[in-house]
N, C-alpha and C. Protein backbone atom coordinates (compact mmCIF):
# COMPACT_ATOMS: atom_id res chain seq x y z
N MET A 1 -65.16 -21.63 51.61
CA MET A 1 -64.36 -22.66 51.89
C MET A 1 -63.43 -22.97 50.80
N LEU A 2 -62.23 -23.33 51.11
CA LEU A 2 -61.17 -23.88 50.12
C LEU A 2 -60.70 -25.03 50.51
N ALA A 3 -60.46 -25.91 49.51
CA ALA A 3 -59.94 -27.25 49.93
C ALA A 3 -58.66 -27.34 49.06
N VAL A 4 -57.60 -27.80 49.69
CA VAL A 4 -56.23 -28.10 48.92
C VAL A 4 -56.09 -29.50 48.88
N ASN A 5 -55.84 -30.07 47.77
CA ASN A 5 -55.52 -31.50 47.57
C ASN A 5 -54.10 -31.71 47.26
N LEU A 6 -53.47 -32.53 48.07
CA LEU A 6 -52.08 -33.07 47.83
C LEU A 6 -52.09 -34.50 47.45
N ARG A 7 -51.59 -34.99 46.25
CA ARG A 7 -51.61 -36.28 46.04
C ARG A 7 -50.47 -37.08 46.30
N GLY A 8 -50.52 -38.10 47.21
CA GLY A 8 -49.53 -39.11 47.61
C GLY A 8 -50.09 -40.41 47.42
N PRO A 9 -49.39 -41.38 46.68
CA PRO A 9 -49.87 -42.73 46.49
C PRO A 9 -49.72 -43.44 47.62
N LEU A 10 -50.31 -44.69 47.55
CA LEU A 10 -50.38 -45.65 48.84
C LEU A 10 -48.91 -45.77 49.36
N LEU A 11 -47.94 -45.80 48.53
CA LEU A 11 -46.56 -46.12 48.88
C LEU A 11 -46.14 -44.90 49.74
N GLY A 12 -46.88 -43.81 49.99
CA GLY A 12 -46.52 -42.71 50.83
C GLY A 12 -47.05 -43.08 52.37
N ARG A 13 -47.82 -44.12 52.28
CA ARG A 13 -48.44 -44.53 53.58
C ARG A 13 -47.96 -45.79 54.12
N HIS A 14 -47.28 -46.64 53.15
CA HIS A 14 -46.78 -47.93 53.55
C HIS A 14 -45.50 -48.05 52.80
N GLY A 15 -44.49 -48.36 53.48
CA GLY A 15 -43.06 -48.54 52.88
C GLY A 15 -43.18 -49.95 52.00
N ALA A 16 -42.05 -49.84 50.99
CA ALA A 16 -42.00 -50.98 50.19
C ALA A 16 -40.48 -51.29 49.85
N ALA A 17 -40.04 -52.41 49.87
CA ALA A 17 -38.58 -52.67 49.40
C ALA A 17 -38.51 -52.32 48.05
N ASP A 18 -37.18 -51.81 47.75
CA ASP A 18 -36.97 -51.38 46.29
C ASP A 18 -37.45 -50.07 45.95
N TYR A 19 -38.28 -49.41 46.90
CA TYR A 19 -38.86 -48.13 46.51
C TYR A 19 -38.55 -47.15 47.65
N VAL A 20 -37.44 -47.26 48.35
CA VAL A 20 -37.14 -46.51 49.56
C VAL A 20 -37.20 -44.89 49.26
N VAL A 21 -36.54 -44.45 48.34
CA VAL A 21 -36.53 -43.01 48.01
C VAL A 21 -38.08 -42.56 47.63
N TYR A 22 -38.41 -43.42 46.78
CA TYR A 22 -39.97 -43.07 46.41
C TYR A 22 -40.92 -42.97 47.51
N CYS A 23 -40.91 -44.05 48.38
CA CYS A 23 -41.77 -43.97 49.57
C CYS A 23 -41.55 -42.75 50.50
N ALA A 24 -40.08 -42.43 50.68
CA ALA A 24 -39.67 -41.30 51.60
C ALA A 24 -40.30 -40.11 51.06
N THR A 25 -40.22 -39.76 49.78
CA THR A 25 -40.77 -38.46 49.19
C THR A 25 -42.26 -38.40 49.53
N LYS A 26 -42.91 -39.63 49.25
CA LYS A 26 -44.46 -39.61 49.31
C LYS A 26 -44.87 -39.51 50.89
N PHE A 27 -44.01 -40.10 51.70
CA PHE A 27 -44.33 -39.84 53.07
C PHE A 27 -44.23 -38.25 53.49
N GLY A 28 -43.42 -37.59 52.82
CA GLY A 28 -43.31 -36.29 52.98
C GLY A 28 -44.50 -35.49 52.65
N VAL A 29 -45.16 -35.92 51.57
CA VAL A 29 -46.33 -35.37 51.16
C VAL A 29 -47.55 -35.49 52.28
N VAL A 30 -47.67 -36.57 52.92
CA VAL A 30 -48.48 -36.82 54.01
C VAL A 30 -48.21 -35.94 55.14
N GLY A 31 -46.83 -35.86 55.51
CA GLY A 31 -46.41 -34.89 56.53
C GLY A 31 -46.77 -33.45 56.28
N LEU A 32 -46.48 -33.12 55.00
CA LEU A 32 -47.00 -31.82 54.56
C LEU A 32 -48.36 -31.50 54.76
N THR A 33 -49.16 -32.54 54.29
CA THR A 33 -50.65 -32.47 54.48
C THR A 33 -51.04 -32.04 55.95
N GLU A 34 -50.50 -32.76 56.75
CA GLU A 34 -50.85 -32.67 58.18
C GLU A 34 -50.45 -31.23 58.66
N ALA A 35 -49.11 -30.91 58.62
CA ALA A 35 -48.57 -29.58 58.83
C ALA A 35 -49.25 -28.40 58.42
N LEU A 36 -49.49 -28.40 57.10
CA LEU A 36 -50.31 -27.39 56.37
C LEU A 36 -51.70 -27.20 56.86
N ALA A 37 -52.36 -28.41 57.10
CA ALA A 37 -53.66 -28.37 57.78
C ALA A 37 -53.61 -27.55 59.05
N ASP A 38 -52.80 -27.86 59.98
CA ASP A 38 -52.58 -27.14 61.23
C ASP A 38 -52.34 -25.76 60.97
N GLU A 39 -51.51 -25.44 59.91
CA GLU A 39 -51.01 -23.89 59.75
C GLU A 39 -52.22 -23.16 59.27
N VAL A 40 -53.04 -23.63 58.50
CA VAL A 40 -54.12 -22.85 57.88
C VAL A 40 -55.47 -23.12 58.61
N ALA A 41 -55.49 -23.81 59.54
CA ALA A 41 -56.76 -24.23 60.30
C ALA A 41 -57.75 -23.01 60.60
N GLU A 42 -57.26 -21.90 60.98
CA GLU A 42 -58.05 -20.82 61.38
C GLU A 42 -58.43 -20.01 60.25
N SER A 43 -58.04 -20.19 59.05
CA SER A 43 -58.59 -19.50 57.82
C SER A 43 -59.64 -20.18 57.15
N GLY A 44 -60.02 -21.40 57.51
CA GLY A 44 -61.13 -22.31 56.90
C GLY A 44 -60.72 -23.05 55.78
N VAL A 45 -59.34 -23.02 55.45
CA VAL A 45 -58.79 -23.89 54.35
C VAL A 45 -58.76 -25.19 54.82
N ARG A 46 -59.28 -26.23 54.18
CA ARG A 46 -59.14 -27.65 54.36
C ARG A 46 -58.11 -28.29 53.51
N VAL A 47 -57.23 -29.22 54.15
CA VAL A 47 -56.17 -29.80 53.28
C VAL A 47 -56.12 -31.33 53.30
N PHE A 48 -56.10 -31.93 52.33
CA PHE A 48 -56.15 -33.40 52.26
C PHE A 48 -55.04 -33.98 51.37
N ALA A 49 -54.75 -35.13 51.62
CA ALA A 49 -53.76 -35.93 50.79
C ALA A 49 -54.73 -37.10 50.09
N VAL A 50 -54.84 -37.32 48.84
CA VAL A 50 -55.53 -38.37 48.27
C VAL A 50 -54.21 -39.45 47.85
N CYS A 51 -54.54 -40.71 48.43
CA CYS A 51 -53.36 -41.56 48.25
C CYS A 51 -53.98 -42.86 47.45
N PRO A 52 -54.04 -42.72 46.15
CA PRO A 52 -54.49 -43.96 45.40
C PRO A 52 -53.40 -45.10 45.40
N GLY A 53 -54.00 -46.19 44.99
CA GLY A 53 -53.17 -47.33 44.68
C GLY A 53 -52.78 -47.21 43.27
N LEU A 54 -52.47 -48.31 42.63
CA LEU A 54 -52.03 -48.12 41.31
C LEU A 54 -53.27 -48.01 40.27
N VAL A 55 -53.16 -46.71 39.78
CA VAL A 55 -54.19 -46.24 38.80
C VAL A 55 -53.83 -46.68 37.24
N ASP A 56 -55.02 -47.02 36.80
CA ASP A 56 -55.02 -47.61 35.31
C ASP A 56 -54.78 -46.38 34.36
N THR A 57 -53.44 -46.03 34.34
CA THR A 57 -52.93 -45.03 33.28
C THR A 57 -51.82 -45.61 32.48
N PRO A 58 -51.41 -44.87 31.42
CA PRO A 58 -50.16 -45.16 30.74
C PRO A 58 -49.05 -45.32 31.27
N LEU A 59 -48.80 -44.30 32.33
CA LEU A 59 -47.58 -44.35 33.11
C LEU A 59 -47.48 -45.49 33.93
N ALA A 60 -48.67 -45.95 34.59
CA ALA A 60 -48.59 -47.15 35.40
C ALA A 60 -48.41 -48.28 34.53
N HIS A 61 -48.93 -48.38 33.32
CA HIS A 61 -48.64 -49.56 32.46
C HIS A 61 -47.17 -49.78 32.02
N ARG A 62 -46.56 -48.57 31.75
CA ARG A 62 -45.15 -48.59 31.36
C ARG A 62 -44.26 -48.70 32.65
N ALA A 63 -44.54 -48.05 33.66
CA ALA A 63 -43.71 -48.17 34.92
C ALA A 63 -43.62 -49.65 35.52
N VAL A 64 -44.81 -50.32 35.61
CA VAL A 64 -44.90 -51.43 36.37
C VAL A 64 -45.25 -52.73 35.46
N GLY A 65 -45.56 -52.41 34.22
CA GLY A 65 -45.73 -53.52 33.17
C GLY A 65 -46.86 -54.10 33.28
N VAL A 66 -47.91 -53.36 33.67
CA VAL A 66 -49.32 -54.07 33.70
C VAL A 66 -50.08 -53.65 32.47
N THR A 67 -51.10 -54.47 32.05
CA THR A 67 -51.82 -54.12 30.95
C THR A 67 -53.09 -53.25 31.37
N PRO A 68 -53.55 -52.41 30.40
CA PRO A 68 -54.73 -51.70 30.83
C PRO A 68 -55.94 -52.61 31.21
N GLY A 69 -56.65 -52.19 32.37
CA GLY A 69 -57.71 -52.86 32.77
C GLY A 69 -57.44 -54.19 33.60
N ALA A 70 -56.17 -54.39 33.87
CA ALA A 70 -55.78 -55.54 34.63
C ALA A 70 -56.38 -55.43 36.10
N PRO A 71 -56.79 -56.59 36.64
CA PRO A 71 -57.33 -56.60 37.97
C PRO A 71 -56.60 -55.92 38.97
N GLY A 72 -57.22 -55.17 39.92
CA GLY A 72 -56.48 -54.46 40.90
C GLY A 72 -56.16 -53.05 40.56
N LEU A 73 -56.13 -52.65 39.23
CA LEU A 73 -56.02 -51.21 38.94
C LEU A 73 -57.22 -50.27 39.21
N ILE A 74 -56.78 -49.14 39.56
CA ILE A 74 -57.99 -48.33 39.98
C ILE A 74 -58.35 -47.29 38.72
N ARG A 75 -59.45 -47.17 38.49
CA ARG A 75 -59.92 -46.48 37.35
C ARG A 75 -59.74 -44.92 37.69
N PRO A 76 -59.01 -44.08 36.77
CA PRO A 76 -58.91 -42.69 37.10
C PRO A 76 -60.11 -41.82 37.59
N GLU A 77 -61.23 -42.38 37.05
CA GLU A 77 -62.54 -41.57 37.21
C GLU A 77 -62.83 -41.69 38.92
N ILE A 78 -62.44 -42.89 39.46
CA ILE A 78 -62.59 -43.04 40.86
C ILE A 78 -61.87 -42.03 41.69
N VAL A 79 -60.64 -41.96 41.33
CA VAL A 79 -59.59 -41.08 42.11
C VAL A 79 -60.22 -39.56 42.01
N ALA A 80 -60.53 -39.23 40.70
CA ALA A 80 -61.08 -37.82 40.35
C ALA A 80 -62.40 -37.57 41.25
N ARG A 81 -63.21 -38.54 41.28
CA ARG A 81 -64.44 -38.47 42.17
C ARG A 81 -64.29 -38.23 43.56
N VAL A 82 -63.20 -38.83 44.10
CA VAL A 82 -62.84 -38.74 45.55
C VAL A 82 -62.24 -37.07 45.62
N ILE A 83 -61.33 -36.65 44.74
CA ILE A 83 -60.89 -35.20 44.83
C ILE A 83 -62.05 -34.28 44.69
N VAL A 84 -63.00 -34.66 43.78
CA VAL A 84 -64.11 -33.61 43.58
C VAL A 84 -64.93 -33.52 44.76
N ASP A 85 -65.28 -34.66 45.36
CA ASP A 85 -66.17 -34.80 46.50
C ASP A 85 -65.55 -34.24 47.76
N LEU A 86 -64.28 -34.26 47.77
CA LEU A 86 -63.55 -33.59 49.05
C LEU A 86 -63.63 -32.06 48.73
N ALA A 87 -63.24 -31.71 47.44
CA ALA A 87 -63.28 -30.22 47.19
C ALA A 87 -64.52 -29.41 47.32
N THR A 88 -65.62 -30.09 47.13
CA THR A 88 -67.02 -29.67 47.11
C THR A 88 -67.70 -29.91 48.46
N GLY A 89 -67.13 -30.65 49.33
CA GLY A 89 -67.60 -30.96 50.65
C GLY A 89 -68.64 -32.04 50.67
N ARG A 90 -68.86 -32.81 49.51
CA ARG A 90 -69.77 -33.77 49.44
C ARG A 90 -69.31 -35.04 50.37
N ARG A 91 -67.96 -35.08 50.40
CA ARG A 91 -67.33 -36.07 51.13
C ARG A 91 -66.66 -35.39 52.45
N ARG A 92 -66.85 -35.90 53.59
CA ARG A 92 -66.50 -35.25 54.67
C ARG A 92 -65.29 -36.16 55.43
N ALA A 93 -64.26 -35.44 55.73
CA ALA A 93 -63.16 -35.79 56.28
C ALA A 93 -62.40 -34.63 56.95
N ALA A 94 -61.61 -35.04 58.05
CA ALA A 94 -60.95 -34.04 58.69
C ALA A 94 -59.84 -33.44 57.99
N SER A 95 -59.76 -32.10 58.11
CA SER A 95 -58.49 -31.51 57.50
C SER A 95 -57.22 -32.14 58.05
N GLY A 96 -56.41 -32.38 57.09
CA GLY A 96 -55.06 -32.99 57.49
C GLY A 96 -55.19 -34.60 57.24
N THR A 97 -56.20 -35.01 56.69
CA THR A 97 -56.28 -36.49 56.63
C THR A 97 -55.63 -36.97 55.22
N ALA A 98 -55.22 -38.16 55.41
CA ALA A 98 -54.55 -38.58 54.02
C ALA A 98 -55.66 -39.95 53.76
N LEU A 99 -56.25 -39.92 52.64
CA LEU A 99 -57.29 -40.72 52.31
C LEU A 99 -56.66 -41.70 51.42
N ASP A 100 -56.83 -43.11 51.49
CA ASP A 100 -56.53 -44.11 50.69
C ASP A 100 -57.70 -44.40 49.74
N VAL A 101 -57.31 -44.40 48.49
CA VAL A 101 -58.31 -44.82 47.48
C VAL A 101 -57.82 -46.04 46.81
N THR A 102 -58.57 -47.24 47.12
CA THR A 102 -58.25 -48.50 46.52
C THR A 102 -59.34 -49.19 45.84
């Protein structure tokens, strides 16, 4: 079994003012996930999109102006655990699914 992970943030699932282009490209990741899952279904490959909220990383700190550890930020380890669990089959989800990590 092979699992493919495509990462698309929550803004790929929910639009936001002032982020039109960004949201549109991330919506594309979700659509790609669904289409690719259909295309490779017979081969046993599973495809997922992991859509985290704002992750506590230096990029997020600079881009949004939040401080490390601020309330509401998601620890990178949580996102990584979801990806590992999907890849190893410890977390069950239908292929083609976009999973929110909040």
